[in-house]
Amino acid sequence: RARHIKGCMTEGYRIETRGKNKGRKVYAPPNTQARIKSVLNLLLD
């Protein structure tokens, strides 16, 4: 549902695999939030 998609955008994160922040959670910046919605638009179409 919409709340799950919004959750991916605002609360979703990935785990950094390289560099000094390796192992840390990285939350989606604004431009990535827009991309998440764009991808899910097409996927659910």
PDB file of all heavy atoms in Angstrom:
ATOM      1  N   ARG A   1       0.833  -1.190   0.000  1.00  0.00           N
ATOM      2  CA  ARG A   1       0.000   0.000   0.000  1.00  0.00           C
ATOM      3  C   ARG A   1       0.876   1.251   0.000  1.00  0.00           C
ATOM      4  O   ARG A   1       2.100   1.173   0.131  1.00  0.00           O
ATOM      5  CB  ARG A   1      -0.929   0.007   1.218  1.00  0.00           C
ATOM      6  CG  ARG A   1      -1.917  -1.147   1.260  1.00  0.00           C
ATOM      7  CD  ARG A   1      -2.936  -1.022   0.127  1.00  0.00           C
ATOM      8  NE  ARG A   1      -3.958  -2.064   0.176  1.00  0.00           N
ATOM      9  CZ  ARG A   1      -3.891  -3.224  -0.470  1.00  0.00           C
ATOM     10  NH1 ARG A   1      -2.814  -3.499  -1.214  1.00  0.00           N
ATOM     11  NH2 ARG A   1      -4.868  -4.103  -0.383  1.00  0.00           N
ATOM     12  N   ALA A   2       0.238   2.416  -0.111  1.00  0.00           N
ATOM     13  CA  ALA A   2       0.963   3.687  -0.182  1.00  0.00           C
ATOM     14  C   ALA A   2       1.868   3.883   1.027  1.00  0.00           C
ATOM     15  O   ALA A   2       2.984   4.383   0.910  1.00  0.00           O
ATOM     16  CB  ALA A   2      -0.016   4.845  -0.315  1.00  0.00           C
ATOM     17  N   ARG A   3       1.408   3.490   2.211  1.00  0.00           N
ATOM     18  CA  ARG A   3       2.214   3.697   3.426  1.00  0.00           C
ATOM     19  C   ARG A   3       3.508   2.898   3.386  1.00  0.00           C
ATOM     20  O   ARG A   3       4.530   3.331   3.925  1.00  0.00           O
ATOM     21  CB  ARG A   3       1.391   3.331   4.668  1.00  0.00           C
ATOM     22  CG  ARG A   3       1.022   1.863   4.813  1.00  0.00           C
ATOM     23  CD  ARG A   3       0.225   1.609   6.088  1.00  0.00           C
ATOM     24  NE  ARG A   3      -0.102   0.199   6.275  1.00  0.00           N
ATOM     25  CZ  ARG A   3      -1.155  -0.398   5.719  1.00  0.00           C
ATOM     26  NH1 ARG A   3      -1.966   0.297   4.926  1.00  0.00           N
ATOM     27  NH2 ARG A   3      -1.391  -1.678   5.935  1.00  0.00           N
ATOM     28  N   HIS A   4       3.474   1.719   2.753  1.00  0.00           N
ATOM     29  CA  HIS A   4       4.695   0.913   2.642  1.00  0.00           C
ATOM     30  C   HIS A   4       5.699   1.584   1.702  1.00  0.00           C
ATOM     31  O   HIS A   4       6.908   1.575   1.959  1.00  0.00           O
ATOM     32  CB  HIS A   4       4.361  -0.486   2.130  1.00  0.00           C
ATOM     33  CG  HIS A   4       3.380  -1.228   2.987  1.00  0.00           C
ATOM     34  ND1 HIS A   4       2.189  -1.721   2.508  1.00  0.00           N
ATOM     35  CD2 HIS A   4       3.409  -1.525   4.313  1.00  0.00           C
ATOM     36  CE1 HIS A   4       1.532  -2.315   3.482  1.00  0.00           C
ATOM     37  NE2 HIS A   4       2.243  -2.215   4.591  1.00  0.00           N
ATOM     38  N   ILE A   5       5.186   2.150   0.619  1.00  0.00           N
ATOM     39  CA  ILE A   5       6.058   2.829  -0.355  1.00  0.00           C
ATOM     40  C   ILE A   5       6.668   4.081   0.265  1.00  0.00           C
ATOM     41  O   ILE A   5       7.866   4.349   0.120  1.00  0.00           O
ATOM     42  CB  ILE A   5       5.249   3.174  -1.617  1.00  0.00           C
ATOM     43  CG1 ILE A   5       4.780   1.878  -2.281  1.00  0.00           C
ATOM     44  CG2 ILE A   5       6.086   4.004  -2.588  1.00  0.00           C
ATOM     45  CD1 ILE A   5       3.675   2.060  -3.292  1.00  0.00           C
ATOM     46  N   LYS A   6       5.846   4.847   0.986  1.00  0.00           N
ATOM     47  CA  LYS A   6       6.361   6.042   1.665  1.00  0.00           C
ATOM     48  C   LYS A   6       7.403   5.663   2.716  1.00  0.00           C
ATOM     49  O   LYS A   6       8.370   6.384   2.937  1.00  0.00           O
ATOM     50  CB  LYS A   6       5.210   6.804   2.318  1.00  0.00           C
ATOM     51  CG  LYS A   6       4.272   7.463   1.317  1.00  0.00           C
ATOM     52  CD  LYS A   6       3.133   8.193   2.019  1.00  0.00           C
ATOM     53  CE  LYS A   6       2.199   8.860   1.019  1.00  0.00           C
ATOM     54  NZ  LYS A   6       1.062   9.547   1.669  1.00  0.00           N
ATOM     55  N   GLY A   7       7.193   4.499   3.356  1.00  0.00           N
ATOM     56  CA  GLY A   7       8.162   4.013   4.342  1.00  0.00           C
ATOM     57  C   GLY A   7       9.520   3.735   3.708  1.00  0.00           C
ATOM     58  O   GLY A   7      10.562   4.040   4.290  1.00  0.00           O
ATOM     59  N   CYS A   8       9.511   3.154   2.493  1.00  0.00           N
ATOM     60  CA  CYS A   8      10.774   2.912   1.773  1.00  0.00           C
ATOM     61  C   CYS A   8      11.489   4.228   1.498  1.00  0.00           C
ATOM     62  O   CYS A   8      12.716   4.331   1.601  1.00  0.00           O
ATOM     63  CB  CYS A   8      10.509   2.192   0.456  1.00  0.00           C
ATOM     64  SG  CYS A   8       9.909   0.503   0.627  1.00  0.00           S
ATOM     65  N   MET A   9      10.711   5.241   1.150  1.00  0.00           N
ATOM     66  CA  MET A   9      11.286   6.533   0.787  1.00  0.00           C
ATOM     67  C   MET A   9      11.883   7.262   1.989  1.00  0.00           C
ATOM     68  O   MET A   9      12.979   7.809   1.909  1.00  0.00           O
ATOM     69  CB  MET A   9      10.223   7.405   0.113  1.00  0.00           C
ATOM     70  CG  MET A   9       9.741   6.863  -1.235  1.00  0.00           C
ATOM     71  SD  MET A   9       8.223   7.662  -1.817  1.00  0.00           S
ATOM     72  CE  MET A   9       8.758   9.377  -1.946  1.00  0.00           C
ATOM     73  N   THR A  10      11.158   7.276   3.096  1.00  0.00           N
ATOM     74  CA  THR A  10      11.584   8.095   4.243  1.00  0.00           C
ATOM     75  C   THR A  10      12.354   7.326   5.312  1.00  0.00           C
ATOM     76  O   THR A  10      13.161   7.915   6.034  1.00  0.00           O
ATOM     77  CB  THR A  10      10.358   8.754   4.902  1.00  0.00           C
ATOM     78  OG1 THR A  10       9.437   7.723   5.327  1.00  0.00           O
ATOM     79  CG2 THR A  10       9.648   9.678   3.920  1.00  0.00           C
ATOM     80  N   GLU A  11      12.122   6.018   5.389  1.00  0.00           N
ATOM     81  CA  GLU A  11      12.772   5.232   6.435  1.00  0.00           C
ATOM     82  C   GLU A  11      13.660   4.117   5.892  1.00  0.00           C
ATOM     83  O   GLU A  11      14.374   3.456   6.651  1.00  0.00           O
ATOM     84  CB  GLU A  11      11.708   4.619   7.360  1.00  0.00           C
ATOM     85  CG  GLU A  11      10.838   5.666   8.062  1.00  0.00           C
ATOM     86  CD  GLU A  11       9.676   5.035   8.805  1.00  0.00           C
ATOM     87  OE1 GLU A  11       9.728   3.811   9.051  1.00  0.00           O
ATOM     88  OE2 GLU A  11       8.706   5.757   9.120  1.00  0.00           O
ATOM     89  N   GLY A  12      13.605   3.883   4.591  1.00  0.00           N
ATOM     90  CA  GLY A  12      14.423   2.826   4.002  1.00  0.00           C
ATOM     91  C   GLY A  12      15.904   3.169   4.069  1.00  0.00           C
ATOM     92  O   GLY A  12      16.284   4.344   4.056  1.00  0.00           O
ATOM     93  N   TYR A  13      16.719   2.154   4.153  1.00  0.00           N
ATOM     94  CA  TYR A  13      18.161   2.377   4.230  1.00  0.00           C
ATOM     95  C   TYR A  13      18.900   1.221   3.566  1.00  0.00           C
ATOM     96  O   TYR A  13      18.346   0.151   3.327  1.00  0.00           O
ATOM     97  CB  TYR A  13      18.622   2.515   5.683  1.00  0.00           C
ATOM     98  CG  TYR A  13      18.380   1.262   6.521  1.00  0.00           C
ATOM     99  CD1 TYR A  13      19.318   0.221   6.552  1.00  0.00           C
ATOM    100  CD2 TYR A  13      17.216   1.115   7.283  1.00  0.00           C
ATOM    101  CE1 TYR A  13      19.099  -0.918   7.290  1.00  0.00           C
ATOM    102  CE2 TYR A  13      16.989  -0.026   8.029  1.00  0.00           C
ATOM    103  CZ  TYR A  13      17.928  -1.042   8.038  1.00  0.00           C
ATOM    104  OH  TYR A  13      17.711  -2.177   8.775  1.00  0.00           O
ATOM    105  N   ARG A  14      20.150   1.479   3.264  1.00  0.00           N
ATOM    106  CA  ARG A  14      21.052   0.434   2.785  1.00  0.00           C
ATOM    107  C   ARG A  14      22.247   0.389   3.711  1.00  0.00           C
ATOM    108  O   ARG A  14      22.510   1.344   4.447  1.00  0.00           O
ATOM    109  CB  ARG A  14      21.507   0.709   1.352  1.00  0.00           C
ATOM    110  CG  ARG A  14      22.328   1.980   1.193  1.00  0.00           C
ATOM    111  CD  ARG A  14      22.809   2.172  -0.238  1.00  0.00           C
ATOM    112  NE  ARG A  14      23.561   3.417  -0.399  1.00  0.00           N
ATOM    113  CZ  ARG A  14      24.843   3.574  -0.113  1.00  0.00           C
ATOM    114  NH1 ARG A  14      25.543   2.545   0.356  1.00  0.00           N
ATOM    115  NH2 ARG A  14      25.451   4.727  -0.282  1.00  0.00           N
ATOM    116  N   ILE A  15      22.979  -0.700   3.670  1.00  0.00           N
ATOM    117  CA  ILE A  15      24.184  -0.832   4.491  1.00  0.00           C
ATOM    118  C   ILE A  15      25.406  -0.530   3.636  1.00  0.00           C
ATOM    119  O   ILE A  15      25.612  -1.167   2.600  1.00  0.00           O
ATOM    120  CB  ILE A  15      24.291  -2.253   5.096  1.00  0.00           C
ATOM    121  CG1 ILE A  15      23.042  -2.574   5.939  1.00  0.00           C
ATOM    122  CG2 ILE A  15      25.555  -2.364   5.945  1.00  0.00           C
ATOM    123  CD1 ILE A  15      22.824  -1.659   7.117  1.00  0.00           C
ATOM    124  N   GLU A  16      26.178   0.467   4.046  1.00  0.00           N
ATOM    125  CA  GLU A  16      27.391   0.827   3.309  1.00  0.00           C
ATOM    126  C   GLU A  16      28.377  -0.341   3.342  1.00  0.00           C
ATOM    127  O   GLU A  16      28.613  -0.941   4.387  1.00  0.00           O
ATOM    128  CB  GLU A  16      28.032   2.064   3.930  1.00  0.00           C
ATOM    129  CG  GLU A  16      29.284   2.557   3.205  1.00  0.00           C
ATOM    130  CD  GLU A  16      29.015   2.881   1.750  1.00  0.00           C
ATOM    131  OE1 GLU A  16      28.288   3.855   1.494  1.00  0.00           O
ATOM    132  OE2 GLU A  16      29.522   2.136   0.878  1.00  0.00           O
ATOM    133  N   THR A  17      28.916  -0.675   2.191  1.00  0.00           N
ATOM    134  CA  THR A  17      29.808  -1.845   2.084  1.00  0.00           C
ATOM    135  C   THR A  17      31.272  -1.477   1.899  1.00  0.00           C
ATOM    136  O   THR A  17      32.126  -2.352   1.896  1.00  0.00           O
ATOM    137  CB  THR A  17      29.377  -2.731   0.897  1.00  0.00           C
ATOM    138  OG1 THR A  17      29.415  -1.951  -0.311  1.00  0.00           O
ATOM    139  CG2 THR A  17      27.963  -3.258   1.097  1.00  0.00           C
ATOM    140  N   ARG A  18      31.548  -0.155   1.750  1.00  0.00           N
ATOM    141  CA  ARG A  18      32.932   0.242   1.488  1.00  0.00           C
ATOM    142  C   ARG A  18      33.276   1.503   2.261  1.00  0.00           C
ATOM    143  O   ARG A  18      32.414   2.209   2.767  1.00  0.00           O
ATOM    144  CB  ARG A  18      33.135   0.504  -0.011  1.00  0.00           C
ATOM    145  CG  ARG A  18      32.869  -0.681  -0.897  1.00  0.00           C
ATOM    146  CD  ARG A  18      33.123  -0.367  -2.355  1.00  0.00           C
ATOM    147  NE  ARG A  18      32.246   0.641  -2.895  1.00  0.00           N
ATOM    148  CZ  ARG A  18      32.095   0.880  -4.193  1.00  0.00           C
ATOM    149  NH1 ARG A  18      32.786   0.187  -5.069  1.00  0.00           N
ATOM    150  NH2 ARG A  18      31.284   1.824  -4.628  1.00  0.00           N
ATOM    151  N   GLY A  19      34.586   1.770   2.335  1.00  0.00           N
ATOM    152  CA  GLY A  19      35.063   3.025   2.902  1.00  0.00           C
ATOM    153  C   GLY A  19      34.979   3.111   4.410  1.00  0.00           C
ATOM    154  O   GLY A  19      34.728   2.127   5.114  1.00  0.00           O
ATOM    155  N   LYS A  20      35.150   4.323   4.920  1.00  0.00           N
ATOM    156  CA  LYS A  20      35.209   4.532   6.373  1.00  0.00           C
ATOM    157  C   LYS A  20      33.858   4.324   7.050  1.00  0.00           C
ATOM    158  O   LYS A  20      33.801   4.118   8.265  1.00  0.00           O
ATOM    159  CB  LYS A  20      35.735   5.936   6.677  1.00  0.00           C
ATOM    160  CG  LYS A  20      34.923   7.052   6.048  1.00  0.00           C
ATOM    161  CD  LYS A  20      35.592   8.401   6.265  1.00  0.00           C
ATOM    162  CE  LYS A  20      34.819   9.532   5.585  1.00  0.00           C
ATOM    163  NZ  LYS A  20      35.501  10.837   5.744  1.00  0.00           N
ATOM    164  N   ASN A  21      32.768   4.379   6.287  1.00  0.00           N
ATOM    165  CA  ASN A  21      31.427   4.169   6.851  1.00  0.00           C
ATOM    166  C   ASN A  21      30.910   2.754   6.622  1.00  0.00           C
ATOM    167  O   ASN A  21      29.718   2.498   6.773  1.00  0.00           O
ATOM    168  CB  ASN A  21      30.447   5.180   6.245  1.00  0.00           C
ATOM    169  CG  ASN A  21      30.756   6.602   6.656  1.00  0.00           C
ATOM    170  OD1 ASN A  21      31.147   6.858   7.799  1.00  0.00           O
ATOM    171  ND2 ASN A  21      30.607   7.537   5.725  1.00  0.00           N
ATOM    172  N   LYS A  22      31.795   1.836   6.286  1.00  0.00           N
ATOM    173  CA  LYS A  22      31.401   0.453   6.020  1.00  0.00           C
ATOM    174  C   LYS A  22      30.630  -0.123   7.208  1.00  0.00           C
ATOM    175  O   LYS A  22      31.056  -0.015   8.357  1.00  0.00           O
ATOM    176  CB  LYS A  22      32.645  -0.392   5.746  1.00  0.00           C
ATOM    177  CG  LYS A  22      32.331  -1.831   5.355  1.00  0.00           C
ATOM    178  CD  LYS A  22      33.598  -2.592   5.008  1.00  0.00           C
ATOM    179  CE  LYS A  22      33.292  -4.024   4.606  1.00  0.00           C
ATOM    180  NZ  LYS A  22      34.527  -4.772   4.256  1.00  0.00           N
ATOM    181  N   GLY A  23      29.472  -0.751   6.916  1.00  0.00           N
ATOM    182  CA  GLY A  23      28.657  -1.367   7.949  1.00  0.00           C
ATOM    183  C   GLY A  23      27.584  -0.458   8.519  1.00  0.00           C
ATOM    184  O   GLY A  23      26.698  -0.918   9.245  1.00  0.00           O
ATOM    185  N   ARG A  24      27.621   0.824   8.193  1.00  0.00           N
ATOM    186  CA  ARG A  24      26.647   1.767   8.728  1.00  0.00           C
ATOM    187  C   ARG A  24      25.400   1.853   7.837  1.00  0.00           C
ATOM    188  O   ARG A  24      25.454   1.604   6.645  1.00  0.00           O
ATOM    189  CB  ARG A  24      27.268   3.160   8.854  1.00  0.00           C
ATOM    190  CG  ARG A  24      28.358   3.246   9.909  1.00  0.00           C
ATOM    191  CD  ARG A  24      28.810   4.691  10.058  1.00  0.00           C
ATOM    192  NE  ARG A  24      29.894   4.828  11.030  1.00  0.00           N
ATOM    193  CZ  ARG A  24      30.480   5.979  11.340  1.00  0.00           C
ATOM    194  NH1 ARG A  24      30.077   7.100  10.739  1.00  0.00           N
ATOM    195  NH2 ARG A  24      31.453   6.015  12.225  1.00  0.00           N
ATOM    196  N   LYS A  25      24.288   2.251   8.462  1.00  0.00           N
ATOM    197  CA  LYS A  25      23.056   2.472   7.713  1.00  0.00           C
ATOM    198  C   LYS A  25      23.138   3.803   6.960  1.00  0.00           C
ATOM    199  O   LYS A  25      23.571   4.799   7.515  1.00  0.00           O
ATOM    200  CB  LYS A  25      21.847   2.504   8.649  1.00  0.00           C
ATOM    201  CG  LYS A  25      21.517   1.179   9.312  1.00  0.00           C
ATOM    202  CD  LYS A  25      20.289   1.320  10.194  1.00  0.00           C
ATOM    203  CE  LYS A  25      19.929  -0.004  10.867  1.00  0.00           C
ATOM    204  NZ  LYS A  25      18.737   0.149  11.751  1.00  0.00           N
ATOM    205  N   VAL A  26      22.711   3.774   5.718  1.00  0.00           N
ATOM    206  CA  VAL A  26      22.667   4.997   4.913  1.00  0.00           C
ATOM    207  C   VAL A  26      21.220   5.197   4.472  1.00  0.00           C
ATOM    208  O   VAL A  26      20.662   4.361   3.764  1.00  0.00           O
ATOM    209  CB  VAL A  26      23.580   4.902   3.678  1.00  0.00           C
ATOM    210  CG1 VAL A  26      23.469   6.169   2.839  1.00  0.00           C
ATOM    211  CG2 VAL A  26      25.024   4.662   4.091  1.00  0.00           C
ATOM    212  N   TYR A  27      20.601   6.293   4.920  1.00  0.00           N
ATOM    213  CA  TYR A  27      19.209   6.574   4.560  1.00  0.00           C
ATOM    214  C   TYR A  27      19.138   7.333   3.240  1.00  0.00           C
ATOM    215  O   TYR A  27      20.090   8.006   2.835  1.00  0.00           O
ATOM    216  CB  TYR A  27      18.526   7.363   5.680  1.00  0.00           C
ATOM    217  CG  TYR A  27      18.325   6.540   6.929  1.00  0.00           C
ATOM    218  CD1 TYR A  27      19.304   6.496   7.925  1.00  0.00           C
ATOM    219  CD2 TYR A  27      17.176   5.770   7.095  1.00  0.00           C
ATOM    220  CE1 TYR A  27      19.137   5.723   9.066  1.00  0.00           C
ATOM    221  CE2 TYR A  27      17.000   4.991   8.233  1.00  0.00           C
ATOM    222  CZ  TYR A  27      17.989   4.968   9.219  1.00  0.00           C
ATOM    223  OH  TYR A  27      17.816   4.195  10.342  1.00  0.00           O
ATOM    224  N   ALA A  28      18.008   7.235   2.575  1.00  0.00           N
ATOM    225  CA  ALA A  28      17.859   7.811   1.237  1.00  0.00           C
ATOM    226  C   ALA A  28      17.803   9.332   1.284  1.00  0.00           C
ATOM    227  O   ALA A  28      16.931   9.894   1.945  1.00  0.00           O
ATOM    228  CB  ALA A  28      16.595   7.264   0.577  1.00  0.00           C
ATOM    229  N   PRO A  29      18.712  10.019   0.567  1.00  0.00           N
ATOM    230  CA  PRO A  29      18.621  11.480   0.450  1.00  0.00           C
ATOM    231  C   PRO A  29      17.424  11.841  -0.431  1.00  0.00           C
ATOM    232  O   PRO A  29      16.833  10.972  -1.084  1.00  0.00           O
ATOM    233  CB  PRO A  29      19.950  11.862  -0.208  1.00  0.00           C
ATOM    234  CG  PRO A  29      20.375  10.635  -0.936  1.00  0.00           C
ATOM    235  CD  PRO A  29      19.873   9.472  -0.147  1.00  0.00           C
ATOM    236  N   PRO A  30      17.040  13.117  -0.477  1.00  0.00           N
ATOM    237  CA  PRO A  30      15.834  13.525  -1.212  1.00  0.00           C
ATOM    238  C   PRO A  30      15.788  13.071  -2.669  1.00  0.00           C
ATOM    239  O   PRO A  30      14.758  12.587  -3.139  1.00  0.00           O
ATOM    240  CB  PRO A  30      15.876  15.052  -1.113  1.00  0.00           C
ATOM    241  CG  PRO A  30      16.617  15.326   0.152  1.00  0.00           C
ATOM    242  CD  PRO A  30      17.646  14.254   0.243  1.00  0.00           C
ATOM    243  N   ASN A  31      16.905  13.234  -3.399  1.00  0.00           N
ATOM    244  CA  ASN A  31      16.873  12.841  -4.815  1.00  0.00           C
ATOM    245  C   ASN A  31      16.690  11.331  -4.971  1.00  0.00           C
ATOM    246  O   ASN A  31      16.035  10.871  -5.916  1.00  0.00           O
ATOM    247  CB  ASN A  31      18.132  13.316  -5.548  1.00  0.00           C
ATOM    248  CG  ASN A  31      19.410  12.804  -4.926  1.00  0.00           C
ATOM    249  OD1 ASN A  31      19.416  12.376  -3.770  1.00  0.00           O
ATOM    250  ND2 ASN A  31      20.500  12.855  -5.663  1.00  0.00           N
ATOM    251  N   THR A  32      17.239  10.547  -4.041  1.00  0.00           N
ATOM    252  CA  THR A  32      17.051   9.089  -4.089  1.00  0.00           C
ATOM    253  C   THR A  32      15.623   8.720  -3.723  1.00  0.00           C
ATOM    254  O   THR A  32      15.057   7.761  -4.268  1.00  0.00           O
ATOM    255  CB  THR A  32      18.045   8.386  -3.147  1.00  0.00           C
ATOM    256  OG1 THR A  32      19.378   8.734  -3.518  1.00  0.00           O
ATOM    257  CG2 THR A  32      17.892   6.870  -3.218  1.00  0.00           C
ATOM    258  N   GLN A  33      15.004   9.458  -2.804  1.00  0.00           N
ATOM    259  CA  GLN A  33      13.601   9.220  -2.467  1.00  0.00           C
ATOM    260  C   GLN A  33      12.726   9.367  -3.713  1.00  0.00           C
ATOM    261  O   GLN A  33      11.790   8.584  -3.927  1.00  0.00           O
ATOM    262  CB  GLN A  33      13.144  10.192  -1.381  1.00  0.00           C
ATOM    263  CG  GLN A  33      13.781   9.938  -0.021  1.00  0.00           C
ATOM    264  CD  GLN A  33      13.297  10.911   1.041  1.00  0.00           C
ATOM    265  OE1 GLN A  33      12.165  11.376   1.006  1.00  0.00           O
ATOM    266  NE2 GLN A  33      14.158  11.230   1.995  1.00  0.00           N
ATOM    267  N   ALA A  34      13.036  10.370  -4.522  1.00  0.00           N
ATOM    268  CA  ALA A  34      12.286  10.564  -5.773  1.00  0.00           C
ATOM    269  C   ALA A  34      12.504   9.393  -6.723  1.00  0.00           C
ATOM    270  O   ALA A  34      11.566   8.937  -7.391  1.00  0.00           O
ATOM    271  CB  ALA A  34      12.710  11.868  -6.435  1.00  0.00           C
ATOM    272  N   ARG A  35      13.738   8.880  -6.768  1.00  0.00           N
ATOM    273  CA  ARG A  35      14.027   7.740  -7.647  1.00  0.00           C
ATOM    274  C   ARG A  35      13.310   6.484  -7.167  1.00  0.00           C
ATOM    275  O   ARG A  35      12.859   5.673  -7.975  1.00  0.00           O
ATOM    276  CB  ARG A  35      15.532   7.496  -7.704  1.00  0.00           C
ATOM    277  CG  ARG A  35      16.310   8.604  -8.415  1.00  0.00           C
ATOM    278  CD  ARG A  35      17.733   8.185  -8.693  1.00  0.00           C
ATOM    279  NE  ARG A  35      18.556   9.305  -9.125  1.00  0.00           N
ATOM    280  CZ  ARG A  35      19.505   9.861  -8.400  1.00  0.00           C
ATOM    281  NH1 ARG A  35      19.772   9.393  -7.187  1.00  0.00           N
ATOM    282  NH2 ARG A  35      20.209  10.879  -8.866  1.00  0.00           N
ATOM    283  N   ILE A  36      13.244   6.294  -5.845  1.00  0.00           N
ATOM    284  CA  ILE A  36      12.531   5.132  -5.286  1.00  0.00           C
ATOM    285  C   ILE A  36      11.085   5.137  -5.760  1.00  0.00           C
ATOM    286  O   ILE A  36      10.552   4.122  -6.218  1.00  0.00           O
ATOM    287  CB  ILE A  36      12.599   5.145  -3.744  1.00  0.00           C
ATOM    288  CG1 ILE A  36      14.031   4.872  -3.266  1.00  0.00           C
ATOM    289  CG2 ILE A  36      11.639   4.104  -3.155  1.00  0.00           C
ATOM    290  CD1 ILE A  36      14.242   5.115  -1.785  1.00  0.00           C
ATOM    291  N   LYS A  37      10.446   6.287  -5.644  1.00  0.00           N
ATOM    292  CA  LYS A  37       9.052   6.386  -6.085  1.00  0.00           C
ATOM    293  C   LYS A  37       8.935   6.131  -7.585  1.00  0.00           C
ATOM    294  O   LYS A  37       8.016   5.430  -8.041  1.00  0.00           O
ATOM    295  CB  LYS A  37       8.473   7.761  -5.749  1.00  0.00           C
ATOM    296  CG  LYS A  37       6.980   7.874  -6.073  1.00  0.00           C
ATOM    297  CD  LYS A  37       6.424   9.214  -5.713  1.00  0.00           C
ATOM    298  CE  LYS A  37       4.910   9.242  -5.917  1.00  0.00           C
ATOM    299  NZ  LYS A  37       4.482   8.863  -7.271  1.00  0.00           N
ATOM    300  N   SER A  38       9.853   6.664  -8.371  1.00  0.00           N
ATOM    301  CA  SER A  38       9.822   6.479  -9.820  1.00  0.00           C
ATOM    302  C   SER A  38       9.945   5.004 -10.190  1.00  0.00           C
ATOM    303  O   SER A  38       9.205   4.502 -11.049  1.00  0.00           O
ATOM    304  CB  SER A  38      10.953   7.285 -10.460  1.00  0.00           C
ATOM    305  OG  SER A  38      11.004   7.068 -11.849  1.00  0.00           O
ATOM    306  N   VAL A  39      10.873   4.299  -9.548  1.00  0.00           N
ATOM    307  CA  VAL A  39      11.068   2.873  -9.828  1.00  0.00           C
ATOM    308  C   VAL A  39       9.836   2.075  -9.420  1.00  0.00           C
ATOM    309  O   VAL A  39       9.368   1.194 -10.160  1.00  0.00           O
ATOM    310  CB  VAL A  39      12.329   2.340  -9.111  1.00  0.00           C
ATOM    311  CG1 VAL A  39      12.386   0.814  -9.169  1.00  0.00           C
ATOM    312  CG2 VAL A  39      13.586   2.932  -9.729  1.00  0.00           C
ATOM    313  N   LEU A  40       9.276   2.361  -8.245  1.00  0.00           N
ATOM    314  CA  LEU A  40       8.095   1.622  -7.780  1.00  0.00           C
ATOM    315  C   LEU A  40       6.869   1.969  -8.622  1.00  0.00           C
ATOM    316  O   LEU A  40       5.978   1.127  -8.784  1.00  0.00           O
ATOM    317  CB  LEU A  40       7.848   1.900  -6.300  1.00  0.00           C
ATOM    318  CG  LEU A  40       8.918   1.317  -5.358  1.00  0.00           C
ATOM    319  CD1 LEU A  40       8.630   1.681  -3.914  1.00  0.00           C
ATOM    320  CD2 LEU A  40       9.010  -0.199  -5.507  1.00  0.00           C
ATOM    321  N   ASN A  41       6.808   3.180  -9.169  1.00  0.00           N
ATOM    322  CA  ASN A  41       5.735   3.508 -10.121  1.00  0.00           C
ATOM    323  C   ASN A  41       5.727   2.501 -11.266  1.00  0.00           C
ATOM    324  O   ASN A  41       4.691   1.918 -11.602  1.00  0.00           O
ATOM    325  CB  ASN A  41       5.950   4.909 -10.710  1.00  0.00           C
ATOM    326  CG  ASN A  41       5.530   6.023  -9.788  1.00  0.00           C
ATOM    327  OD1 ASN A  41       4.880   5.805  -8.767  1.00  0.00           O
ATOM    328  ND2 ASN A  41       5.911   7.243 -10.131  1.00  0.00           N
ATOM    329  N   LEU A  42       6.892   2.307 -11.868  1.00  0.00           N
ATOM    330  CA  LEU A  42       7.009   1.430 -13.039  1.00  0.00           C
ATOM    331  C   LEU A  42       6.864  -0.039 -12.663  1.00  0.00           C
ATOM    332  O   LEU A  42       6.231  -0.818 -13.393  1.00  0.00           O
ATOM    333  CB  LEU A  42       8.357   1.666 -13.721  1.00  0.00           C
ATOM    334  CG  LEU A  42       8.577   3.083 -14.265  1.00  0.00           C
ATOM    335  CD1 LEU A  42       9.998   3.236 -14.774  1.00  0.00           C
ATOM    336  CD2 LEU A  42       7.581   3.393 -15.365  1.00  0.00           C
ATOM    337  N   LEU A  43       7.438  -0.423 -11.535  1.00  0.00           N
ATOM    338  CA  LEU A  43       7.371  -1.819 -11.094  1.00  0.00           C
ATOM    339  C   LEU A  43       5.925  -2.230 -10.830  1.00  0.00           C
ATOM    340  O   LEU A  43       5.479  -3.312 -11.243  1.00  0.00           O
ATOM    341  CB  LEU A  43       8.225  -1.995  -9.834  1.00  0.00           C
ATOM    342  CG  LEU A  43       8.382  -3.404  -9.276  1.00  0.00           C
ATOM    343  CD1 LEU A  43       8.967  -4.344 -10.317  1.00  0.00           C
ATOM    344  CD2 LEU A  43       9.268  -3.393  -8.034  1.00  0.00           C
ATOM    345  N   LEU A  44       5.165  -1.361 -10.186  1.00  0.00           N
ATOM    346  CA  LEU A  44       3.775  -1.691  -9.871  1.00  0.00           C
ATOM    347  C   LEU A  44       2.851  -1.497 -11.073  1.00  0.00           C
ATOM    348  O   LEU A  44       1.787  -2.112 -11.137  1.00  0.00           O
ATOM    349  CB  LEU A  44       3.303  -0.882  -8.669  1.00  0.00           C
ATOM    350  CG  LEU A  44       3.987  -1.311  -7.349  1.00  0.00           C
ATOM    351  CD1 LEU A  44       3.671  -0.346  -6.223  1.00  0.00           C
ATOM    352  CD2 LEU A  44       3.573  -2.730  -6.956  1.00  0.00           C
ATOM    353  N   ASP A  45       3.252  -0.661 -12.037  1.00  0.00           N
ATOM    354  CA  ASP A  45       2.530  -0.626 -13.320  1.00  0.00           C
ATOM    355  C   ASP A  45       2.576  -2.011 -13.961  1.00  0.00           C
ATOM    356  O   ASP A  45       1.586  -2.510 -14.502  1.00  0.00           O
ATOM    357  CB  ASP A  45       3.175   0.384 -14.278  1.00  0.00           C
ATOM    358  CG  ASP A  45       2.761   1.821 -13.996  1.00  0.00           C
ATOM    359  OD1 ASP A  45       1.779   2.039 -13.251  1.00  0.00           O
ATOM    360  OD2 ASP A  45       3.435   2.740 -14.515  1.00  0.00           O
TER     361      ASP A  45
END
